[in-house]
Amino acid sequence: MTRSELIDKNKTLFWYTPESKKQEISDSLLIETIFNEGTLDDCRQLISTLGGKQVAKVFFSAKGRQKENYYPEIYHFFSLVLKKYA
């Protein structure tokens, strides 16, 4: 699956983004939205598409306000998963 296909598959999660701008969203917004609002299968596809190292790099680079955008339980879960497997 490509990044574009992943965004198209999950386009309802990006309801606030105009259709013409959906393919331009950043990796950080893509990861944050799918981790917070997507299913576990969506998260697996995200990691498979972008690569575990890239997802971990973007995820752990979130500081301050960006880090607070993740739900606490989501941040805790994925920090454990990405530390172990990425």
Protein backbone atom coordinates (compact mmCIF):
# COMPACT_ATOMS: atom_id res chain seq x y z
CA MET A 1 0.00 0.00 0.00
CA THR A 2 1.30 3.45 -0.85
CA ARG A 3 1.01 6.57 1.27
CA SER A 4 -1.66 7.96 -1.08
CA GLU A 5 -3.72 4.77 -0.83
CA LEU A 6 -3.43 4.84 2.96
CA ILE A 7 -4.71 8.43 3.06
CA ASP A 8 -7.56 7.59 0.65
CA LYS A 9 -8.53 4.56 2.72
CA ASN A 10 -8.66 6.69 5.88
CA LYS A 11 -9.96 9.92 4.33
CA THR A 12 -12.89 10.08 6.76
CA LEU A 13 -10.37 10.60 9.59
CA PHE A 14 -9.23 13.77 7.83
CA TRP A 15 -12.72 15.24 7.41
CA TYR A 16 -11.47 18.73 8.32
CA THR A 17 -8.87 18.78 5.52
CA PRO A 18 -10.05 19.93 2.08
CA GLU A 19 -10.07 17.12 -0.48
CA SER A 20 -7.47 18.91 -2.61
CA LYS A 21 -5.02 19.11 0.34
CA LYS A 22 -5.32 15.57 1.74
CA GLN A 23 -2.33 14.20 -0.17
CA GLU A 24 -0.17 17.05 1.19
CA ILE A 25 -0.60 16.30 4.90
CA SER A 26 2.59 15.81 6.88
CA ASP A 27 3.82 12.50 8.25
CA SER A 28 3.35 13.80 11.80
CA LEU A 29 -0.34 14.59 11.19
CA LEU A 30 -0.85 11.28 9.41
CA ILE A 31 0.69 9.30 12.27
CA GLU A 32 -1.08 11.28 14.98
CA THR A 33 -4.50 10.95 13.36
CA ILE A 34 -4.27 7.26 12.52
CA PHE A 35 -2.85 6.36 15.95
CA ASN A 36 -5.53 8.37 17.76
CA GLU A 37 -8.57 7.64 15.59
CA GLY A 38 -7.76 4.62 13.40
CA THR A 39 -8.16 0.92 14.05
CA LEU A 40 -5.29 -1.35 15.02
CA ASP A 41 -5.26 -2.63 11.43
CA ASP A 42 -4.93 0.97 10.18
CA CYS A 43 -1.96 1.43 12.53
CA ARG A 44 -0.31 -1.74 11.21
CA GLN A 45 -0.78 -0.55 7.64
CA LEU A 46 0.66 2.85 8.56
CA ILE A 47 3.78 1.28 10.05
CA SER A 48 4.09 -1.06 7.09
CA THR A 49 3.70 1.79 4.59
CA LEU A 50 5.97 4.40 6.16
CA GLY A 51 8.35 1.96 7.84
CA GLY A 52 8.80 1.36 11.54
CA LYS A 53 11.92 3.50 11.84
CA GLN A 54 10.29 6.51 10.17
CA VAL A 55 7.14 6.21 12.29
CA ALA A 56 9.24 5.91 15.47
CA LYS A 57 11.38 8.90 14.45
CA VAL A 58 8.34 11.12 13.88
CA PHE A 59 6.47 9.78 16.93
CA PHE A 60 9.34 10.29 19.38
CA SER A 61 10.27 13.70 17.94
CA ALA A 62 6.91 15.11 19.09
CA LYS A 63 7.59 17.52 21.94
CA GLY A 64 5.43 19.81 24.02
CA ARG A 65 2.09 20.59 22.45
CA GLN A 66 2.53 18.06 19.62
CA LYS A 67 3.07 15.28 22.15
CA GLU A 68 -0.07 16.32 24.02
CA ASN A 69 -2.14 15.83 20.85
CA TYR A 70 -1.89 12.06 21.37
CA TYR A 71 -4.33 10.52 23.81
CA PRO A 72 -2.31 9.50 26.91
CA GLU A 73 -3.14 5.81 26.61
CA ILE A 74 -2.34 5.85 22.88
CA TYR A 75 1.00 7.57 23.48
CA HIS A 76 1.92 5.08 26.19
CA PHE A 77 0.92 2.03 24.12
CA PHE A 78 2.74 3.07 20.96
CA SER A 79 5.81 4.26 22.83
CA LEU A 80 6.15 0.73 24.23
CA VAL A 81 5.47 -0.92 20.86
CA LEU A 82 7.81 1.32 18.88
CA LYS A 83 10.63 1.07 21.45
CA LYS A 84 10.46 -2.71 21.27
CA TYR A 85 9.94 -3.29 17.53
CA ALA A 86 11.21 -0.24 15.64
